Amino acid sequence: MGNAGSTASAGQSDLLKIEQKGAVLTVGLNRPAKRNALNDGIILAIQDCFSSLPDDVGAVVIHGVGDHFSSGLDLSELTEHDATGGLLHSQMWHRVFDRIQYSRVPVIAALKGAVIGGGLELACAAHIRVAEPSAYFALPEGQRGIFVGGGGSVRLPRLIGVARMVDMMLTGRVYSATEGSAYGFSQYLTEAGGALLKALELAERVAANAPLTNFAVLQALPMIAEANPQTGLLMESLMATVAQSDKEAKRRIRAFLDHKTAKVKPT
């Protein structure tokens, strides 16, 4: 998992298909026979992956092996918990998905087929979501007598609004990829079979950004957006100062200015 074109080492869980090409790491949910349903094993494998990203990785693409991104919680492996056990189990999912949301590099989810339940919660933890026409979004927890437990009640309303999530959980409403693109489930909608290719294209682009700028966008921007205006403005000024003092940022600014000057020089 370290060099360009390498695949996961022999010790890596076979629940994930991990490959690296250049600065982009792809993480494939690898339970196609189960529509990539999520169990504790695959959740912990994701945690291990994001806990040890290679230093030369600049972006990550999460996708589903087979025809689906993820059909959510694997109910066939669901075990009963007492109140304390249920709380700890949900918090374990929270910690893992936080590692994605607060990763040091941008994470892009390539979505197709089922993106439901815990699979939708996983997709919400990514920073950019790319869907193809086969993708559909649903939260069947209401019909199953359970409640979201992977951070969906925090992340999804920020994307689509509380009222729409309430409707999904109460009625089992399913959104198509086209509707999902319009309502905020995804930022990009591709042609059939194009989600992973588009996600890789975007990943290569964002991996080329200055690392400090990516860090500021991922870590500071969400906090600024939720802070009161004066606190947000102060945080923005601090981040702008730090970013502009970075050597890589200075080099990029000089290159941009040189290019702009060259374009306006008389011939």
C-alpha atoms as a PDB file:
ATOM      1  CA  MET A   1       0.000   0.000   0.000  1.00  0.00           C
ATOM      2  CA  GLY A   2       2.938   2.322  -0.385  1.00  0.00           C
ATOM      3  CA  ASN A   3       4.216   2.504  -3.965  1.00  0.00           C
ATOM      4  CA  ALA A   4       2.496   3.521  -7.177  1.00  0.00           C
ATOM      5  CA  GLY A   5       0.420   0.710  -8.581  1.00  0.00           C
ATOM      6  CA  SER A   6       0.829  -1.450  -5.487  1.00  0.00           C
ATOM      7  CA  THR A   7      -1.998  -3.506  -4.026  1.00  0.00           C
ATOM      8  CA  ALA A   8      -2.835  -4.317  -0.444  1.00  0.00           C
ATOM      9  CA  SER A   9      -0.253  -6.309   1.454  1.00  0.00           C
ATOM     10  CA  ALA A  10      -0.907  -9.932   2.315  1.00  0.00           C
ATOM     11  CA  GLY A  11      -1.868  -8.979   5.863  1.00  0.00           C
ATOM     12  CA  GLN A  12      -4.597  -6.566   4.771  1.00  0.00           C
ATOM     13  CA  SER A  13      -8.161  -7.692   5.382  1.00  0.00           C
ATOM     14  CA  ASP A  14      -9.792  -9.150   2.257  1.00  0.00           C
ATOM     15  CA  LEU A  15     -12.915  -7.185   3.203  1.00  0.00           C
ATOM     16  CA  LEU A  16     -11.286  -4.221   1.486  1.00  0.00           C
ATOM     17  CA  LYS A  17      -9.580  -4.059  -1.891  1.00  0.00           C
ATOM     18  CA  ILE A  18      -6.887  -1.422  -1.495  1.00  0.00           C
ATOM     19  CA  GLU A  19      -4.696  -0.144  -4.302  1.00  0.00           C
ATOM     20  CA  GLN A  20      -2.463   2.873  -4.783  1.00  0.00           C
ATOM     21  CA  LYS A  21      -1.632   4.579  -8.033  1.00  0.00           C
ATOM     22  CA  GLY A  22       0.509   7.657  -7.689  1.00  0.00           C
ATOM     23  CA  ALA A  23      -0.873   9.886  -4.975  1.00  0.00           C
ATOM     24  CA  VAL A  24      -4.359   8.312  -5.024  1.00  0.00           C
ATOM     25  CA  LEU A  25      -5.397   5.413  -2.799  1.00  0.00           C
ATOM     26  CA  THR A  26      -8.517   3.462  -3.765  1.00  0.00           C
ATOM     27  CA  VAL A  27     -10.416   1.614  -1.042  1.00  0.00           C
ATOM     28  CA  GLY A  28     -12.952  -0.876  -2.366  1.00  0.00           C
ATOM     29  CA  LEU A  29     -15.628  -2.355  -0.125  1.00  0.00           C
ATOM     30  CA  ASN A  30     -15.149  -5.998  -1.026  1.00  0.00           C
ATOM     31  CA  ARG A  31     -18.274  -7.964  -0.137  1.00  0.00           C
ATOM     32  CA  PRO A  32     -20.018  -7.970  -3.530  1.00  0.00           C
ATOM     33  CA  ALA A  33     -22.072 -11.089  -2.755  1.00  0.00           C
ATOM     34  CA  LYS A  34     -23.565  -9.170   0.186  1.00  0.00           C
ATOM     35  CA  ARG A  35     -24.003  -5.936  -1.799  1.00  0.00           C
ATOM     36  CA  ASN A  36     -21.092  -4.671   0.325  1.00  0.00           C
ATOM     37  CA  ALA A  37     -23.141  -4.800   3.512  1.00  0.00           C
ATOM     38  CA  LEU A  38     -21.244  -3.416   6.492  1.00  0.00           C
ATOM     39  CA  ASN A  39     -20.304  -5.529   9.497  1.00  0.00           C
ATOM     40  CA  ASP A  40     -17.861  -4.899  12.318  1.00  0.00           C
ATOM     41  CA  GLY A  41     -15.056  -6.567  10.351  1.00  0.00           C
ATOM     42  CA  ILE A  42     -15.242  -4.206   7.397  1.00  0.00           C
ATOM     43  CA  ILE A  43     -15.736  -1.172   9.662  1.00  0.00           C
ATOM     44  CA  LEU A  44     -12.572  -2.049  11.606  1.00  0.00           C
ATOM     45  CA  ALA A  45     -10.720  -2.673   8.343  1.00  0.00           C
ATOM     46  CA  ILE A  46     -11.659   0.862   7.248  1.00  0.00           C
ATOM     47  CA  GLN A  47     -10.357   2.146  10.578  1.00  0.00           C
ATOM     48  CA  ASP A  48      -7.039   0.354  10.067  1.00  0.00           C
ATOM     49  CA  CYS A  49      -6.751   1.737   6.545  1.00  0.00           C
ATOM     50  CA  PHE A  50      -7.352   5.360   7.518  1.00  0.00           C
ATOM     51  CA  SER A  51      -5.148   5.051  10.592  1.00  0.00           C
ATOM     52  CA  SER A  52      -2.112   4.260   8.454  1.00  0.00           C
ATOM     53  CA  LEU A  53      -2.405   6.168   5.186  1.00  0.00           C
ATOM     54  CA  PRO A  54       0.951   6.205   3.362  1.00  0.00           C
ATOM     55  CA  ASP A  55       2.734   9.548   3.523  1.00  0.00           C
ATOM     56  CA  ASP A  56       2.698   9.903  -0.257  1.00  0.00           C
ATOM     57  CA  VAL A  57      -1.096   9.598  -0.528  1.00  0.00           C
ATOM     58  CA  GLY A  58      -2.821  12.875  -1.365  1.00  0.00           C
ATOM     59  CA  ALA A  59      -6.417  11.676  -1.818  1.00  0.00           C
ATOM     60  CA  VAL A  60      -8.558   8.582  -1.222  1.00  0.00           C
ATOM     61  CA  VAL A  61     -11.387   7.146  -3.305  1.00  0.00           C
ATOM     62  CA  ILE A  62     -13.902   4.847  -1.587  1.00  0.00           C
ATOM     63  CA  HIS A  63     -15.999   2.656  -3.861  1.00  0.00           C
ATOM     64  CA  GLY A  64     -17.905  -0.608  -3.887  1.00  0.00           C
ATOM     65  CA  VAL A  65     -16.625  -3.736  -5.618  1.00  0.00           C
ATOM     66  CA  GLY A  66     -19.402  -5.144  -7.808  1.00  0.00           C
ATOM     67  CA  ASP A  67     -22.722  -3.484  -8.604  1.00  0.00           C
ATOM     68  CA  HIS A  68     -23.342  -1.617  -5.351  1.00  0.00           C
ATOM     69  CA  PHE A  69     -21.637   0.863  -3.081  1.00  0.00           C
ATOM     70  CA  SER A  70     -23.156  -0.510   0.122  1.00  0.00           C
ATOM     71  CA  SER A  71     -26.532  -1.861   1.195  1.00  0.00           C
ATOM     72  CA  GLY A  72     -25.896  -0.781   4.771  1.00  0.00           C
ATOM     73  CA  LEU A  73     -25.767  -2.731   7.998  1.00  0.00           C
ATOM     74  CA  ASP A  74     -25.476  -6.494   7.551  1.00  0.00           C
ATOM     75  CA  LEU A  75     -28.583  -7.573   9.472  1.00  0.00           C
ATOM     76  CA  SER A  76     -27.616 -11.248   9.186  1.00  0.00           C
ATOM     77  CA  GLU A  77     -24.666 -10.561  11.494  1.00  0.00           C
ATOM     78  CA  LEU A  78     -26.488  -8.159  13.800  1.00  0.00           C
ATOM     79  CA  THR A  79     -26.150  -9.204  17.428  1.00  0.00           C
ATOM     80  CA  GLU A  80     -28.267  -8.057  20.325  1.00  0.00           C
ATOM     81  CA  HIS A  81     -26.675  -5.552  22.694  1.00  0.00           C
ATOM     82  CA  ASP A  82     -27.774  -4.218  26.034  1.00  0.00           C
ATOM     83  CA  ALA A  83     -28.032  -0.430  26.295  1.00  0.00           C
ATOM     84  CA  THR A  84     -24.352  -0.011  27.108  1.00  0.00           C
ATOM     85  CA  GLY A  85     -23.232  -2.385  24.371  1.00  0.00           C
ATOM     86  CA  GLY A  86     -25.422  -0.655  21.815  1.00  0.00           C
ATOM     87  CA  LEU A  87     -24.023   2.740  22.780  1.00  0.00           C
ATOM     88  CA  LEU A  88     -20.432   1.531  22.514  1.00  0.00           C
ATOM     89  CA  HIS A  89     -21.117  -0.166  19.174  1.00  0.00           C
ATOM     90  CA  SER A  90     -22.565   3.013  17.682  1.00  0.00           C
ATOM     91  CA  GLN A  91     -19.652   5.050  19.006  1.00  0.00           C
ATOM     92  CA  MET A  92     -17.229   2.628  17.365  1.00  0.00           C
ATOM     93  CA  TRP A  93     -18.840   3.410  13.996  1.00  0.00           C
ATOM     94  CA  HIS A  94     -18.653   7.115  14.839  1.00  0.00           C
ATOM     95  CA  ARG A  95     -14.905   6.903  15.496  1.00  0.00           C
ATOM     96  CA  VAL A  96     -14.274   5.122  12.204  1.00  0.00           C
ATOM     97  CA  PHE A  97     -16.357   7.494  10.094  1.00  0.00           C
ATOM     98  CA  ASP A  98     -14.732  10.440  11.879  1.00  0.00           C
ATOM     99  CA  ARG A  99     -11.396   9.146  10.606  1.00  0.00           C
ATOM    100  CA  ILE A 100     -12.756   9.573   7.092  1.00  0.00           C
ATOM    101  CA  GLN A 101     -14.318  12.999   7.634  1.00  0.00           C
ATOM    102  CA  TYR A 102     -11.264  14.302   9.485  1.00  0.00           C
ATOM    103  CA  SER A 103      -8.707  12.532   7.332  1.00  0.00           C
ATOM    104  CA  ARG A 104      -5.601  14.535   6.493  1.00  0.00           C
ATOM    105  CA  VAL A 105      -6.422  14.094   2.783  1.00  0.00           C
ATOM    106  CA  PRO A 106      -9.627  14.554   0.767  1.00  0.00           C
ATOM    107  CA  VAL A 107     -11.869  11.492   0.485  1.00  0.00           C
ATOM    108  CA  ILE A 108     -14.115  10.974  -2.539  1.00  0.00           C
ATOM    109  CA  ALA A 109     -16.896   8.375  -2.655  1.00  0.00           C
ATOM    110  CA  ALA A 110     -17.838   6.759  -5.979  1.00  0.00           C
ATOM    111  CA  LEU A 111     -21.474   5.687  -5.693  1.00  0.00           C
ATOM    112  CA  LYS A 112     -23.471   3.129  -7.641  1.00  0.00           C
ATOM    113  CA  GLY A 113     -26.370   0.805  -6.927  1.00  0.00           C
ATOM    114  CA  ALA A 114     -27.444   0.649  -3.302  1.00  0.00           C
ATOM    115  CA  VAL A 115     -26.320   3.563  -1.121  1.00  0.00           C
ATOM    116  CA  ILE A 116     -28.603   2.905   1.792  1.00  0.00           C
ATOM    117  CA  GLY A 117     -28.591   2.859   5.571  1.00  0.00           C
ATOM    118  CA  GLY A 118     -25.069   2.587   6.913  1.00  0.00           C
ATOM    119  CA  GLY A 119     -23.763   2.775   3.353  1.00  0.00           C
ATOM    120  CA  LEU A 120     -25.293   6.239   3.025  1.00  0.00           C
ATOM    121  CA  GLU A 121     -23.818   7.190   6.393  1.00  0.00           C
ATOM    122  CA  LEU A 122     -20.406   6.084   5.120  1.00  0.00           C
ATOM    123  CA  ALA A 123     -20.820   8.109   1.923  1.00  0.00           C
ATOM    124  CA  CYS A 124     -21.771  11.181   3.978  1.00  0.00           C
ATOM    125  CA  ALA A 125     -18.423  11.007   5.785  1.00  0.00           C
ATOM    126  CA  ALA A 126     -16.591  11.553   2.478  1.00  0.00           C
ATOM    127  CA  HIS A 127     -15.879  15.085   1.299  1.00  0.00           C
ATOM    128  CA  ILE A 128     -17.024  14.662  -2.302  1.00  0.00           C
ATOM    129  CA  ARG A 129     -19.602  12.193  -3.613  1.00  0.00           C
ATOM    130  CA  VAL A 130     -19.862  11.125  -7.248  1.00  0.00           C
ATOM    131  CA  ALA A 131     -22.879   9.083  -8.341  1.00  0.00           C
ATOM    132  CA  GLU A 132     -23.774   7.233 -11.497  1.00  0.00           C
ATOM    133  CA  PRO A 133     -27.366   6.644 -12.705  1.00  0.00           C
ATOM    134  CA  SER A 134     -27.707   3.267 -10.966  1.00  0.00           C
ATOM    135  CA  ALA A 135     -27.219   4.806  -7.505  1.00  0.00           C
ATOM    136  CA  TYR A 136     -30.201   5.103  -5.188  1.00  0.00           C
ATOM    137  CA  PHE A 137     -30.409   6.487  -1.665  1.00  0.00           C
ATOM    138  CA  ALA A 138     -32.577   5.264   1.200  1.00  0.00           C
ATOM    139  CA  LEU A 139     -32.777   4.964   4.985  1.00  0.00           C
ATOM    140  CA  PRO A 140     -34.834   1.826   5.722  1.00  0.00           C
ATOM    141  CA  GLU A 141     -34.124   1.964   9.463  1.00  0.00           C
ATOM    142  CA  GLY A 142     -37.650   3.180  10.235  1.00  0.00           C
ATOM    143  CA  GLN A 143     -39.206   0.067   8.660  1.00  0.00           C
ATOM    144  CA  ARG A 144     -36.690  -2.180  10.442  1.00  0.00           C
ATOM    145  CA  GLY A 145     -37.408  -0.829  13.896  1.00  0.00           C
ATOM    146  CA  ILE A 146     -33.925   0.615  14.353  1.00  0.00           C
ATOM    147  CA  PHE A 147     -32.294   4.053  14.180  1.00  0.00           C
ATOM    148  CA  VAL A 148     -29.262   5.348  12.322  1.00  0.00           C
ATOM    149  CA  GLY A 149     -26.101   4.752  14.354  1.00  0.00           C
ATOM    150  CA  GLY A 150     -23.185   5.712  12.139  1.00  0.00           C
ATOM    151  CA  GLY A 151     -23.446   9.493  12.331  1.00  0.00           C
ATOM    152  CA  GLY A 152     -26.180   9.848   9.730  1.00  0.00           C
ATOM    153  CA  SER A 153     -28.398  12.016  11.926  1.00  0.00           C
ATOM    154  CA  VAL A 154     -25.571  14.555  12.148  1.00  0.00           C
ATOM    155  CA  ARG A 155     -24.084  14.470   8.646  1.00  0.00           C
ATOM    156  CA  LEU A 156     -27.024  13.816   6.325  1.00  0.00           C
ATOM    157  CA  PRO A 157     -29.262  16.724   7.445  1.00  0.00           C
ATOM    158  CA  ARG A 158     -26.357  19.075   6.688  1.00  0.00           C
ATOM    159  CA  LEU A 159     -26.483  17.816   3.109  1.00  0.00           C
ATOM    160  CA  ILE A 160     -30.212  17.416   2.404  1.00  0.00           C
ATOM    161  CA  GLY A 161     -32.055  19.051   5.333  1.00  0.00           C
ATOM    162  CA  VAL A 162     -33.808  17.615   8.373  1.00  0.00           C
ATOM    163  CA  ALA A 163     -37.276  17.428   6.776  1.00  0.00           C
ATOM    164  CA  ARG A 164     -36.094  15.296   3.884  1.00  0.00           C
ATOM    165  CA  MET A 165     -34.280  12.881   6.212  1.00  0.00           C
ATOM    166  CA  VAL A 166     -37.374  12.639   8.444  1.00  0.00           C
ATOM    167  CA  ASP A 167     -39.441  11.715   5.387  1.00  0.00           C
ATOM    168  CA  MET A 168     -36.936   9.055   4.325  1.00  0.00           C
ATOM    169  CA  MET A 169     -36.891   7.387   7.747  1.00  0.00           C
ATOM    170  CA  LEU A 170     -40.649   7.536   8.342  1.00  0.00           C
ATOM    171  CA  THR A 171     -41.864   6.493   4.889  1.00  0.00           C
ATOM    172  CA  GLY A 172     -38.939   4.562   3.408  1.00  0.00           C
ATOM    173  CA  ARG A 173     -38.737   7.004   0.506  1.00  0.00           C
ATOM    174  CA  VAL A 174     -36.024   6.165  -2.031  1.00  0.00           C
ATOM    175  CA  TYR A 175     -34.213   8.840  -4.039  1.00  0.00           C
ATOM    176  CA  SER A 176     -32.790   8.198  -7.482  1.00  0.00           C
ATOM    177  CA  ALA A 177     -29.331   9.316  -8.567  1.00  0.00           C
ATOM    178  CA  THR A 178     -30.839  12.237 -10.486  1.00  0.00           C
ATOM    179  CA  GLU A 179     -32.857  13.374  -7.487  1.00  0.00           C
ATOM    180  CA  GLY A 180     -29.845  12.798  -5.262  1.00  0.00           C
ATOM    181  CA  SER A 181     -27.707  15.110  -7.356  1.00  0.00           C
ATOM    182  CA  ALA A 182     -30.352  17.849  -7.163  1.00  0.00           C
ATOM    183  CA  TYR A 183     -30.970  17.512  -3.418  1.00  0.00           C
ATOM    184  CA  GLY A 184     -27.389  17.266  -2.181  1.00  0.00           C
ATOM    185  CA  PHE A 185     -26.716  13.551  -1.747  1.00  0.00           C
ATOM    186  CA  SER A 186     -23.944  13.867  -4.344  1.00  0.00           C
ATOM    187  CA  GLN A 187     -22.082  16.728  -6.003  1.00  0.00           C
ATOM    188  CA  TYR A 188     -21.543  14.976  -9.345  1.00  0.00           C
ATOM    189  CA  LEU A 189     -23.701  12.777 -11.565  1.00  0.00           C
ATOM    190  CA  THR A 190     -21.947  10.819 -14.299  1.00  0.00           C
ATOM    191  CA  GLU A 191     -22.981   8.600 -17.164  1.00  0.00           C
ATOM    192  CA  ALA A 192     -23.512   4.893 -16.539  1.00  0.00           C
ATOM    193  CA  GLY A 193     -20.385   3.234 -15.213  1.00  0.00           C
ATOM    194  CA  GLY A 194     -18.573   6.544 -14.842  1.00  0.00           C
ATOM    195  CA  ALA A 195     -18.564   7.220 -11.092  1.00  0.00           C
ATOM    196  CA  LEU A 196     -15.236   5.578 -10.271  1.00  0.00           C
ATOM    197  CA  LEU A 197     -13.457   7.140 -13.254  1.00  0.00           C
ATOM    198  CA  LYS A 198     -14.770  10.591 -12.340  1.00  0.00           C
ATOM    199  CA  ALA A 199     -13.837  10.079  -8.689  1.00  0.00           C
ATOM    200  CA  LEU A 200     -10.297   9.101  -9.701  1.00  0.00           C
ATOM    201  CA  GLU A 201     -10.040  12.152 -11.959  1.00  0.00           C
ATOM    202  CA  LEU A 202     -11.126  14.414  -9.106  1.00  0.00           C
ATOM    203  CA  ALA A 203      -8.798  12.661  -6.666  1.00  0.00           C
ATOM    204  CA  GLU A 204      -5.792  13.232  -8.910  1.00  0.00           C
ATOM    205  CA  ARG A 205      -6.755  16.894  -9.177  1.00  0.00           C
ATOM    206  CA  VAL A 206      -7.175  17.525  -5.448  1.00  0.00           C
ATOM    207  CA  ALA A 207      -4.072  15.488  -4.578  1.00  0.00           C
ATOM    208  CA  ALA A 208      -2.081  18.049  -6.600  1.00  0.00           C
ATOM    209  CA  ASN A 209      -3.218  20.894  -4.327  1.00  0.00           C
ATOM    210  CA  ALA A 210      -0.960  22.304  -1.641  1.00  0.00           C
ATOM    211  CA  PRO A 211      -1.349  19.934   1.341  1.00  0.00           C
ATOM    212  CA  LEU A 212      -1.857  22.802   3.785  1.00  0.00           C
ATOM    213  CA  THR A 213      -4.671  24.225   1.675  1.00  0.00           C
ATOM    214  CA  ASN A 214      -6.389  20.835   1.556  1.00  0.00           C
ATOM    215  CA  PHE A 215      -5.979  20.550   5.320  1.00  0.00           C
ATOM    216  CA  ALA A 216      -7.547  23.978   5.852  1.00  0.00           C
ATOM    217  CA  VAL A 217     -10.492  23.163   3.594  1.00  0.00           C
ATOM    218  CA  LEU A 218     -11.138  19.811   5.295  1.00  0.00           C
ATOM    219  CA  GLN A 219     -10.550  20.768   8.914  1.00  0.00           C
ATOM    220  CA  ALA A 220     -11.167  24.507   9.274  1.00  0.00           C
ATOM    221  CA  LEU A 221     -13.908  25.240   6.738  1.00  0.00           C
ATOM    222  CA  PRO A 222     -16.608  23.067   8.386  1.00  0.00           C
ATOM    223  CA  MET A 223     -15.860  24.657  11.764  1.00  0.00           C
ATOM    224  CA  ILE A 224     -15.929  28.157  10.281  1.00  0.00           C
ATOM    225  CA  ALA A 225     -19.274  27.453   8.612  1.00  0.00           C
ATOM    226  CA  GLU A 226     -20.836  26.430  11.933  1.00  0.00           C
ATOM    227  CA  ALA A 227     -19.215  29.127  14.105  1.00  0.00           C
ATOM    228  CA  ASN A 228     -20.787  32.466  14.899  1.00  0.00           C
ATOM    229  CA  PRO A 229     -19.797  35.033  12.235  1.00  0.00           C
ATOM    230  CA  GLN A 230     -17.133  36.875  14.225  1.00  0.00           C
ATOM    231  CA  THR A 231     -15.451  33.657  15.377  1.00  0.00           C
ATOM    232  CA  GLY A 232     -15.629  32.351  11.822  1.00  0.00           C
ATOM    233  CA  LEU A 233     -14.032  35.465  10.386  1.00  0.00           C
ATOM    234  CA  LEU A 234     -11.192  35.281  12.906  1.00  0.00           C
ATOM    235  CA  MET A 235     -10.600  31.595  12.093  1.00  0.00           C
ATOM    236  CA  GLU A 236     -10.616  32.445   8.396  1.00  0.00           C
ATOM    237  CA  SER A 237      -7.991  35.174   8.903  1.00  0.00           C
ATOM    238  CA  LEU A 238      -5.799  32.821  10.915  1.00  0.00           C
ATOM    239  CA  MET A 239      -6.024  30.045   8.318  1.00  0.00           C
ATOM    240  CA  ALA A 240      -5.372  32.479   5.457  1.00  0.00           C
ATOM    241  CA  THR A 241      -2.269  33.747   7.266  1.00  0.00           C
ATOM    242  CA  VAL A 242      -0.951  30.247   7.924  1.00  0.00           C
ATOM    243  CA  ALA A 243      -1.644  29.112   4.365  1.00  0.00           C
ATOM    244  CA  GLN A 244       0.012  32.145   2.772  1.00  0.00           C
ATOM    245  CA  SER A 245       3.114  31.711   4.925  1.00  0.00           C
ATOM    246  CA  ASP A 246       3.540  28.146   3.710  1.00  0.00           C
ATOM    247  CA  LYS A 247       6.486  27.700   1.317  1.00  0.00           C
ATOM    248  CA  GLU A 248       4.483  25.554  -1.075  1.00  0.00           C
ATOM    249  CA  ALA A 249       1.706  28.163  -1.171  1.00  0.00           C
ATOM    250  CA  LYS A 250       4.210  30.915  -1.908  1.00  0.00           C
ATOM    251  CA  ARG A 251       5.694  28.895  -4.758  1.00  0.00           C
ATOM    252  CA  ARG A 252       2.251  28.298  -6.269  1.00  0.00           C
ATOM    253  CA  ILE A 253       1.307  31.979  -5.967  1.00  0.00           C
ATOM    254  CA  ARG A 254       4.532  33.023  -7.704  1.00  0.00           C
ATOM    255  CA  ALA A 255       3.960  30.489 -10.469  1.00  0.00           C
ATOM    256  CA  PHE A 256       0.397  31.720 -10.972  1.00  0.00           C
ATOM    257  CA  LEU A 257       1.461  35.346 -11.108  1.00  0.00           C
ATOM    258  CA  ASP A 258       4.315  34.559 -13.520  1.00  0.00           C
ATOM    259  CA  HIS A 259       1.895  32.676 -15.780  1.00  0.00           C
ATOM    260  CA  LYS A 260      -0.650  35.501 -15.651  1.00  0.00           C
ATOM    261  CA  THR A 261       2.027  38.086 -16.447  1.00  0.00           C
ATOM    262  CA  ALA A 262       3.324  36.028 -19.353  1.00  0.00           C
ATOM    263  CA  LYS A 263      -0.163  35.875 -20.877  1.00  0.00           C
ATOM    264  CA  VAL A 264      -0.601  39.635 -20.951  1.00  0.00           C
ATOM    265  CA  LYS A 265       2.858  40.501 -22.276  1.00  0.00           C
ATOM    266  CA  PRO A 266       2.746  42.160 -25.724  1.00  0.00           C
ATOM    267  CA  THR A 267       3.960  39.944 -28.538  1.00  0.00           C
END
